[in-house]
Amino acid sequence: MSIPSSLGDLEAMEREMFDEYNGEGQKYKSDDELYSDLLDNEFCEDLPEESAENGLETQMEYFLVQHIIDDELVSSLMTPQRLIDYINMDDCHGESYEIFDCMSEFGKVKPLRYKGWQPGCLIEVVDETGKVVLRGYGDDH
């Protein structure tokens, strides 16, 4: 969604959001279409056919990331690679964020955390027991 260029654009966006909220908005033929549209924003990208990155398969296909942008809470679903890229650029964007596993167990959301700086630009995300659930490499910048 882009920034509206006029008051008319803003009103049109509000009407569209109201219609979607009341069930009168866009109809989806399948769950795949719905999730595809939900994931098609600047913080998400489509998953590749295989979920293995750097030889380590992830247990989750998506991560929920809540971050504060300009004093506003923004929630994003991120693919494993997008999350690695986001953490890699943490020193540039400087946002406060929390990472959650929202896919491995129905009805439960579990907090995860970035393990911290590792030699060789290794980025690891761990669960509350310290088990590595995602591993990838960032850039030295």
N, C-alpha and C. Protein backbone atom coordinates (compact mmCIF):
# COMPACT_ATOMS: atom_id res chain seq x y z
N MET A 1 0.84 -1.16 0.00
CA MET A 1 0.00 0.00 0.00
C MET A 1 0.89 1.23 0.00
N SER A 2 0.64 2.15 -0.89
CA SER A 2 1.47 3.34 -1.00
C SER A 2 0.85 4.49 -0.23
N ILE A 3 1.62 5.53 -0.07
CA ILE A 3 1.14 6.72 0.62
C ILE A 3 0.18 7.45 -0.30
N PRO A 4 -1.01 7.79 0.20
CA PRO A 4 -1.98 8.46 -0.66
C PRO A 4 -1.49 9.84 -1.07
N SER A 5 -1.77 10.20 -2.33
CA SER A 5 -1.31 11.49 -2.83
C SER A 5 -2.35 12.59 -2.66
N SER A 6 -3.57 12.23 -2.32
CA SER A 6 -4.60 13.25 -2.10
C SER A 6 -5.61 12.75 -1.09
N LEU A 7 -6.47 13.66 -0.65
CA LEU A 7 -7.52 13.30 0.30
C LEU A 7 -8.48 12.29 -0.33
N GLY A 8 -8.74 12.39 -1.63
CA GLY A 8 -9.61 11.44 -2.32
C GLY A 8 -9.04 10.03 -2.28
N ASP A 9 -7.70 9.93 -2.46
CA ASP A 9 -7.05 8.62 -2.38
C ASP A 9 -7.19 8.04 -0.98
N LEU A 10 -7.03 8.87 0.04
CA LEU A 10 -7.15 8.42 1.43
C LEU A 10 -8.57 7.93 1.70
N GLU A 11 -9.57 8.66 1.22
CA GLU A 11 -10.96 8.24 1.42
C GLU A 11 -11.24 6.93 0.71
N ALA A 12 -10.69 6.74 -0.48
CA ALA A 12 -10.87 5.49 -1.22
C ALA A 12 -10.25 4.32 -0.47
N MET A 13 -9.06 4.55 0.11
CA MET A 13 -8.41 3.50 0.89
C MET A 13 -9.24 3.15 2.12
N GLU A 14 -9.79 4.16 2.79
CA GLU A 14 -10.62 3.91 3.97
C GLU A 14 -11.87 3.12 3.61
N ARG A 15 -12.50 3.45 2.47
CA ARG A 15 -13.68 2.70 2.03
C ARG A 15 -13.32 1.25 1.75
N GLU A 16 -12.18 1.04 1.07
CA GLU A 16 -11.74 -0.32 0.75
C GLU A 16 -11.48 -1.12 2.03
N MET A 17 -10.80 -0.50 3.00
CA MET A 17 -10.53 -1.18 4.26
C MET A 17 -11.83 -1.48 5.00
N PHE A 18 -12.78 -0.56 5.01
CA PHE A 18 -14.06 -0.77 5.67
C PHE A 18 -14.81 -1.92 5.01
N ASP A 19 -14.83 -1.95 3.67
CA ASP A 19 -15.51 -3.02 2.95
C ASP A 19 -14.88 -4.38 3.25
N GLU A 20 -13.53 -4.43 3.28
CA GLU A 20 -12.87 -5.69 3.59
C GLU A 20 -13.19 -6.12 5.01
N TYR A 21 -13.22 -5.18 5.96
CA TYR A 21 -13.53 -5.50 7.35
C TYR A 21 -14.94 -6.07 7.48
N ASN A 22 -15.87 -5.56 6.71
CA ASN A 22 -17.26 -6.01 6.79
C ASN A 22 -17.56 -7.18 5.86
N GLY A 23 -16.53 -7.77 5.28
CA GLY A 23 -16.74 -8.93 4.44
C GLY A 23 -17.22 -8.61 3.04
N GLU A 24 -17.17 -7.34 2.64
CA GLU A 24 -17.64 -6.94 1.33
C GLU A 24 -16.50 -6.67 0.36
N GLY A 25 -15.29 -6.93 0.82
CA GLY A 25 -14.13 -6.63 -0.01
C GLY A 25 -13.81 -7.75 -0.96
N GLN A 26 -12.55 -7.79 -1.36
CA GLN A 26 -12.08 -8.74 -2.35
C GLN A 26 -12.32 -10.16 -1.88
N LYS A 27 -12.82 -10.99 -2.76
CA LYS A 27 -13.07 -12.39 -2.46
C LYS A 27 -11.90 -13.22 -2.98
N TYR A 28 -11.48 -14.19 -2.20
CA TYR A 28 -10.37 -15.04 -2.58
C TYR A 28 -10.91 -16.44 -2.90
N LYS A 29 -10.36 -17.02 -3.95
CA LYS A 29 -10.79 -18.35 -4.37
C LYS A 29 -10.23 -19.43 -3.46
N SER A 30 -9.06 -19.20 -2.89
CA SER A 30 -8.44 -20.22 -2.06
C SER A 30 -7.59 -19.56 -0.99
N ASP A 31 -7.20 -20.36 0.01
CA ASP A 31 -6.31 -19.86 1.05
C ASP A 31 -4.97 -19.44 0.47
N ASP A 32 -4.50 -20.17 -0.56
CA ASP A 32 -3.21 -19.82 -1.18
C ASP A 32 -3.23 -18.42 -1.75
N GLU A 33 -4.34 -18.03 -2.39
CA GLU A 33 -4.45 -16.67 -2.94
C GLU A 33 -4.46 -15.64 -1.82
N LEU A 34 -5.19 -15.93 -0.75
CA LEU A 34 -5.27 -15.01 0.38
C LEU A 34 -3.88 -14.80 0.98
N TYR A 35 -3.17 -15.89 1.29
CA TYR A 35 -1.87 -15.77 1.92
C TYR A 35 -0.85 -15.15 0.97
N SER A 36 -0.97 -15.44 -0.30
CA SER A 36 -0.07 -14.85 -1.28
C SER A 36 -0.22 -13.33 -1.29
N ASP A 37 -1.47 -12.84 -1.26
CA ASP A 37 -1.69 -11.40 -1.22
C ASP A 37 -1.22 -10.78 0.10
N LEU A 38 -1.45 -11.49 1.21
CA LEU A 38 -1.01 -10.96 2.51
C LEU A 38 0.50 -10.85 2.59
N LEU A 39 1.22 -11.77 1.94
CA LEU A 39 2.66 -11.78 2.01
C LEU A 39 3.32 -10.89 0.97
N ASP A 40 2.54 -10.29 0.11
CA ASP A 40 3.08 -9.48 -0.97
C ASP A 40 3.18 -8.02 -0.53
N ASN A 41 4.12 -7.75 0.37
CA ASN A 41 4.37 -6.37 0.77
C ASN A 41 5.87 -6.18 0.94
N GLU A 42 6.31 -5.01 1.33
CA GLU A 42 7.74 -4.73 1.32
C GLU A 42 8.53 -5.53 2.36
N PHE A 43 7.85 -6.10 3.36
CA PHE A 43 8.57 -6.84 4.38
C PHE A 43 8.55 -8.34 4.13
N CYS A 44 7.87 -8.82 3.09
CA CYS A 44 7.74 -10.25 2.86
C CYS A 44 8.05 -10.59 1.42
N GLU A 45 8.32 -11.85 1.19
CA GLU A 45 8.55 -12.34 -0.15
C GLU A 45 8.09 -13.78 -0.19
N ASP A 46 7.86 -14.29 -1.39
CA ASP A 46 7.40 -15.67 -1.52
C ASP A 46 8.50 -16.63 -1.10
N LEU A 47 8.07 -17.74 -0.51
CA LEU A 47 9.02 -18.77 -0.12
C LEU A 47 9.53 -19.51 -1.35
N PRO A 48 10.79 -19.87 -1.37
CA PRO A 48 11.28 -20.72 -2.45
C PRO A 48 10.68 -22.12 -2.30
N GLU A 49 10.77 -22.91 -3.37
CA GLU A 49 10.21 -24.27 -3.33
C GLU A 49 10.81 -25.09 -2.20
N GLU A 50 12.10 -24.95 -1.95
CA GLU A 50 12.76 -25.68 -0.88
C GLU A 50 13.05 -24.72 0.25
N SER A 51 12.87 -25.18 1.50
CA SER A 51 13.08 -24.30 2.64
C SER A 51 14.46 -24.45 3.26
N ALA A 52 15.37 -25.14 2.60
CA ALA A 52 16.71 -25.32 3.15
C ALA A 52 17.58 -24.12 2.77
N GLU A 53 18.21 -23.55 3.75
CA GLU A 53 19.14 -22.44 3.53
C GLU A 53 20.47 -22.83 4.17
N ASN A 54 21.51 -22.76 3.37
CA ASN A 54 22.86 -23.06 3.86
C ASN A 54 22.94 -24.43 4.53
N GLY A 55 22.19 -25.41 4.02
CA GLY A 55 22.28 -26.76 4.54
C GLY A 55 21.48 -27.02 5.80
N LEU A 56 20.82 -26.04 6.38
CA LEU A 56 20.03 -26.24 7.59
C LEU A 56 18.57 -26.00 7.26
N GLU A 57 17.76 -27.02 7.43
CA GLU A 57 16.33 -26.85 7.16
C GLU A 57 15.68 -26.18 8.36
N THR A 58 14.79 -25.26 8.10
CA THR A 58 14.09 -24.59 9.18
C THR A 58 12.86 -25.39 9.55
N GLN A 59 12.42 -25.27 10.79
CA GLN A 59 11.22 -25.95 11.24
C GLN A 59 9.97 -25.14 10.89
N MET A 60 10.15 -23.85 10.61
CA MET A 60 9.03 -22.97 10.35
C MET A 60 9.17 -22.38 8.96
N GLU A 61 8.06 -22.10 8.35
CA GLU A 61 8.11 -21.49 7.03
C GLU A 61 8.04 -19.97 7.10
N TYR A 62 7.43 -19.44 8.14
CA TYR A 62 7.31 -17.99 8.31
C TYR A 62 7.55 -17.62 9.76
N PHE A 63 7.99 -16.38 9.96
CA PHE A 63 8.19 -15.85 11.29
C PHE A 63 7.35 -14.58 11.41
N LEU A 64 6.75 -14.37 12.57
CA LEU A 64 6.05 -13.14 12.85
C LEU A 64 7.04 -12.19 13.49
N VAL A 65 7.17 -11.01 12.91
CA VAL A 65 8.08 -10.00 13.46
C VAL A 65 7.26 -8.76 13.74
N GLN A 66 7.29 -8.33 15.00
CA GLN A 66 6.65 -7.07 15.38
C GLN A 66 7.77 -6.06 15.55
N HIS A 67 7.63 -4.93 14.88
CA HIS A 67 8.66 -3.90 14.99
C HIS A 67 8.00 -2.54 15.08
N ILE A 68 8.75 -1.62 15.65
CA ILE A 68 8.28 -0.24 15.82
C ILE A 68 8.94 0.60 14.73
N ILE A 69 8.08 1.20 13.88
CA ILE A 69 8.56 2.09 12.82
C ILE A 69 7.87 3.43 13.03
N ASP A 70 8.66 4.48 13.26
CA ASP A 70 8.12 5.82 13.50
C ASP A 70 7.05 5.79 14.59
N ASP A 71 7.34 5.15 15.71
CA ASP A 71 6.45 5.05 16.87
C ASP A 71 5.14 4.33 16.57
N GLU A 72 5.12 3.49 15.54
CA GLU A 72 3.94 2.72 15.18
C GLU A 72 4.29 1.24 15.16
N LEU A 73 3.44 0.41 15.77
CA LEU A 73 3.65 -1.03 15.77
C LEU A 73 3.27 -1.61 14.41
N VAL A 74 4.20 -2.33 13.80
CA VAL A 74 3.99 -2.97 12.50
C VAL A 74 4.28 -4.45 12.68
N SER A 75 3.36 -5.30 12.22
CA SER A 75 3.57 -6.75 12.27
C SER A 75 3.78 -7.26 10.86
N SER A 76 4.78 -8.13 10.70
CA SER A 76 5.11 -8.66 9.38
C SER A 76 5.34 -10.16 9.48
N LEU A 77 4.90 -10.89 8.46
CA LEU A 77 5.29 -12.28 8.30
C LEU A 77 6.51 -12.28 7.40
N MET A 78 7.56 -12.95 7.84
CA MET A 78 8.80 -12.98 7.07
C MET A 78 9.22 -14.41 6.78
N THR A 79 9.75 -14.60 5.58
CA THR A 79 10.35 -15.88 5.23
C THR A 79 11.67 -16.00 5.99
N PRO A 80 12.22 -17.21 6.08
CA PRO A 80 13.50 -17.35 6.77
C PRO A 80 14.59 -16.44 6.20
N GLN A 81 14.72 -16.38 4.88
CA GLN A 81 15.77 -15.54 4.29
C GLN A 81 15.51 -14.06 4.55
N ARG A 82 14.25 -13.64 4.48
CA ARG A 82 13.92 -12.23 4.73
C ARG A 82 14.26 -11.86 6.18
N LEU A 83 14.02 -12.78 7.12
CA LEU A 83 14.36 -12.51 8.52
C LEU A 83 15.86 -12.39 8.71
N ILE A 84 16.63 -13.27 8.06
CA ILE A 84 18.09 -13.18 8.13
C ILE A 84 18.55 -11.82 7.59
N ASP A 85 18.00 -11.41 6.46
CA ASP A 85 18.35 -10.11 5.87
C ASP A 85 17.97 -8.96 6.80
N TYR A 86 16.79 -9.06 7.42
CA TYR A 86 16.32 -8.01 8.32
C TYR A 86 17.26 -7.88 9.53
N ILE A 87 17.62 -9.00 10.14
CA ILE A 87 18.53 -8.97 11.29
C ILE A 87 19.90 -8.46 10.85
N ASN A 88 20.35 -8.87 9.68
CA ASN A 88 21.64 -8.43 9.14
C ASN A 88 21.70 -6.91 9.06
N MET A 89 20.60 -6.28 8.69
CA MET A 89 20.57 -4.82 8.53
C MET A 89 20.12 -4.09 9.80
N ASP A 90 20.03 -4.80 10.91
CA ASP A 90 19.57 -4.20 12.17
C ASP A 90 20.38 -2.98 12.57
N ASP A 91 21.67 -3.01 12.33
CA ASP A 91 22.50 -1.86 12.70
C ASP A 91 22.21 -0.64 11.84
N CYS A 92 21.56 -0.84 10.69
CA CYS A 92 21.22 0.29 9.81
C CYS A 92 19.83 0.85 10.10
N HIS A 93 18.84 -0.03 10.31
CA HIS A 93 17.49 0.48 10.53
C HIS A 93 17.23 0.81 11.99
N GLY A 94 17.91 0.18 12.93
CA GLY A 94 17.82 0.53 14.34
C GLY A 94 16.43 0.43 14.95
N GLU A 95 15.56 -0.38 14.38
CA GLU A 95 14.20 -0.54 14.91
C GLU A 95 14.20 -1.50 16.09
N SER A 96 13.28 -1.28 17.02
CA SER A 96 13.04 -2.26 18.07
C SER A 96 12.15 -3.33 17.47
N TYR A 97 12.46 -4.60 17.73
CA TYR A 97 11.65 -5.67 17.14
C TYR A 97 11.62 -6.90 18.04
N GLU A 98 10.60 -7.70 17.85
CA GLU A 98 10.45 -8.98 18.52
C GLU A 98 10.14 -10.02 17.46
N ILE A 99 10.68 -11.23 17.62
CA ILE A 99 10.49 -12.31 16.66
C ILE A 99 9.67 -13.42 17.33
N PHE A 100 8.72 -13.99 16.57
CA PHE A 100 7.88 -15.05 17.11
C PHE A 100 7.74 -16.20 16.12
N ASP A 101 7.67 -17.41 16.67
CA ASP A 101 7.31 -18.61 15.91
C ASP A 101 5.79 -18.69 15.97
N CYS A 102 5.15 -18.57 14.83
CA CYS A 102 3.68 -18.61 14.81
C CYS A 102 3.18 -19.75 13.93
N MET A 103 4.08 -20.64 13.50
CA MET A 103 3.69 -21.66 12.53
C MET A 103 3.88 -23.09 13.01
N SER A 104 4.65 -23.33 14.04
CA SER A 104 5.00 -24.71 14.37
C SER A 104 3.96 -25.44 15.20
N GLU A 105 3.12 -24.70 15.92
CA GLU A 105 2.11 -25.34 16.75
C GLU A 105 0.82 -24.54 16.70
N PHE A 106 -0.28 -25.21 16.36
CA PHE A 106 -1.57 -24.56 16.19
C PHE A 106 -1.99 -23.84 17.48
N GLY A 107 -2.38 -22.59 17.34
CA GLY A 107 -2.90 -21.81 18.47
C GLY A 107 -1.85 -21.28 19.41
N LYS A 108 -0.58 -21.45 19.11
CA LYS A 108 0.47 -20.96 20.01
C LYS A 108 1.45 -20.09 19.26
N VAL A 109 1.87 -19.04 19.93
CA VAL A 109 2.90 -18.15 19.41
C VAL A 109 4.03 -18.17 20.42
N LYS A 110 5.23 -18.50 19.96
CA LYS A 110 6.37 -18.64 20.86
C LYS A 110 7.41 -17.58 20.54
N PRO A 111 7.92 -16.91 21.58
CA PRO A 111 8.96 -15.91 21.34
C PRO A 111 10.28 -16.55 20.93
N LEU A 112 10.96 -15.90 20.03
CA LEU A 112 12.30 -16.30 19.60
C LEU A 112 13.20 -15.10 19.79
N ARG A 113 14.51 -15.34 19.69
CA ARG A 113 15.42 -14.20 19.81
C ARG A 113 16.65 -14.42 18.95
N TYR A 114 17.21 -13.30 18.53
CA TYR A 114 18.47 -13.29 17.81
C TYR A 114 19.55 -13.58 18.84
N LYS A 115 20.39 -14.55 18.56
CA LYS A 115 21.39 -15.02 19.52
C LYS A 115 22.48 -13.98 19.79
N GLY A 116 22.69 -13.06 18.88
CA GLY A 116 23.73 -12.06 19.06
C GLY A 116 24.85 -12.25 18.06
N TRP A 117 25.79 -11.33 18.08
CA TRP A 117 26.87 -11.34 17.10
C TRP A 117 27.64 -12.64 17.19
N GLN A 118 27.90 -13.24 16.02
CA GLN A 118 28.67 -14.48 15.92
C GLN A 118 29.81 -14.24 14.92
N PRO A 119 30.95 -14.87 15.13
CA PRO A 119 32.06 -14.73 14.16
C PRO A 119 31.64 -15.17 12.77
N GLY A 120 32.20 -14.52 11.77
CA GLY A 120 31.92 -14.86 10.38
C GLY A 120 30.55 -14.41 9.91
N CYS A 121 29.95 -13.43 10.58
CA CYS A 121 28.65 -12.87 10.22
C CYS A 121 27.52 -13.90 10.32
N LEU A 122 27.69 -14.91 11.18
CA LEU A 122 26.67 -15.92 11.39
C LEU A 122 25.50 -15.31 12.16
N ILE A 123 24.30 -15.54 11.67
CA ILE A 123 23.08 -15.07 12.33
C ILE A 123 22.29 -16.29 12.75
N GLU A 124 21.99 -16.40 14.05
CA GLU A 124 21.19 -17.51 14.56
C GLU A 124 20.00 -16.98 15.34
N VAL A 125 18.85 -17.61 15.13
CA VAL A 125 17.64 -17.30 15.87
C VAL A 125 17.34 -18.54 16.71
N VAL A 126 17.12 -18.34 18.02
CA VAL A 126 16.92 -19.47 18.93
C VAL A 126 15.58 -19.35 19.64
N ASP A 127 15.08 -20.51 20.10
CA ASP A 127 13.85 -20.51 20.89
C ASP A 127 14.19 -20.31 22.36
N GLU A 128 13.18 -20.44 23.24
CA GLU A 128 13.41 -20.17 24.66
C GLU A 128 14.32 -21.19 25.33
N THR A 129 14.50 -22.37 24.72
CA THR A 129 15.41 -23.37 25.29
C THR A 129 16.83 -23.23 24.75
N GLY A 130 17.04 -22.32 23.80
CA GLY A 130 18.36 -22.12 23.22
C GLY A 130 18.59 -22.92 21.95
N LYS A 131 17.58 -23.67 21.51
CA LYS A 131 17.70 -24.47 20.29
C LYS A 131 17.67 -23.54 19.08
N VAL A 132 18.61 -23.73 18.16
CA VAL A 132 18.68 -22.92 16.95
C VAL A 132 17.55 -23.34 16.01
N VAL A 133 16.69 -22.38 15.65
CA VAL A 133 15.59 -22.67 14.73
C VAL A 133 15.83 -22.07 13.35
N LEU A 134 16.80 -21.16 13.25
CA LEU A 134 17.15 -20.56 11.96
C LEU A 134 18.60 -20.12 12.01
N ARG A 135 19.30 -20.39 10.91
CA ARG A 135 20.71 -20.02 10.81
C ARG A 135 20.97 -19.51 9.40
N GLY A 136 21.72 -18.45 9.31
CA GLY A 136 22.10 -17.90 8.01
C GLY A 136 23.27 -16.95 8.19
N TYR A 137 23.73 -16.39 7.08
CA TYR A 137 24.88 -15.51 7.14
C TYR A 137 24.52 -14.12 6.62
N GLY A 138 25.03 -13.11 7.31
CA GLY A 138 24.85 -11.74 6.90
C GLY A 138 26.09 -11.22 6.19
N ASP A 139 26.10 -9.93 5.96
CA ASP A 139 27.22 -9.27 5.30
C ASP A 139 28.00 -8.46 6.32
N ASP A 140 29.29 -8.32 6.10
CA ASP A 140 30.11 -7.46 6.93
C ASP A 140 30.03 -6.05 6.36
N HIS A 141 29.26 -5.20 7.03
CA HIS A 141 29.10 -3.83 6.52
C HIS A 141 29.32 -2.81 7.62
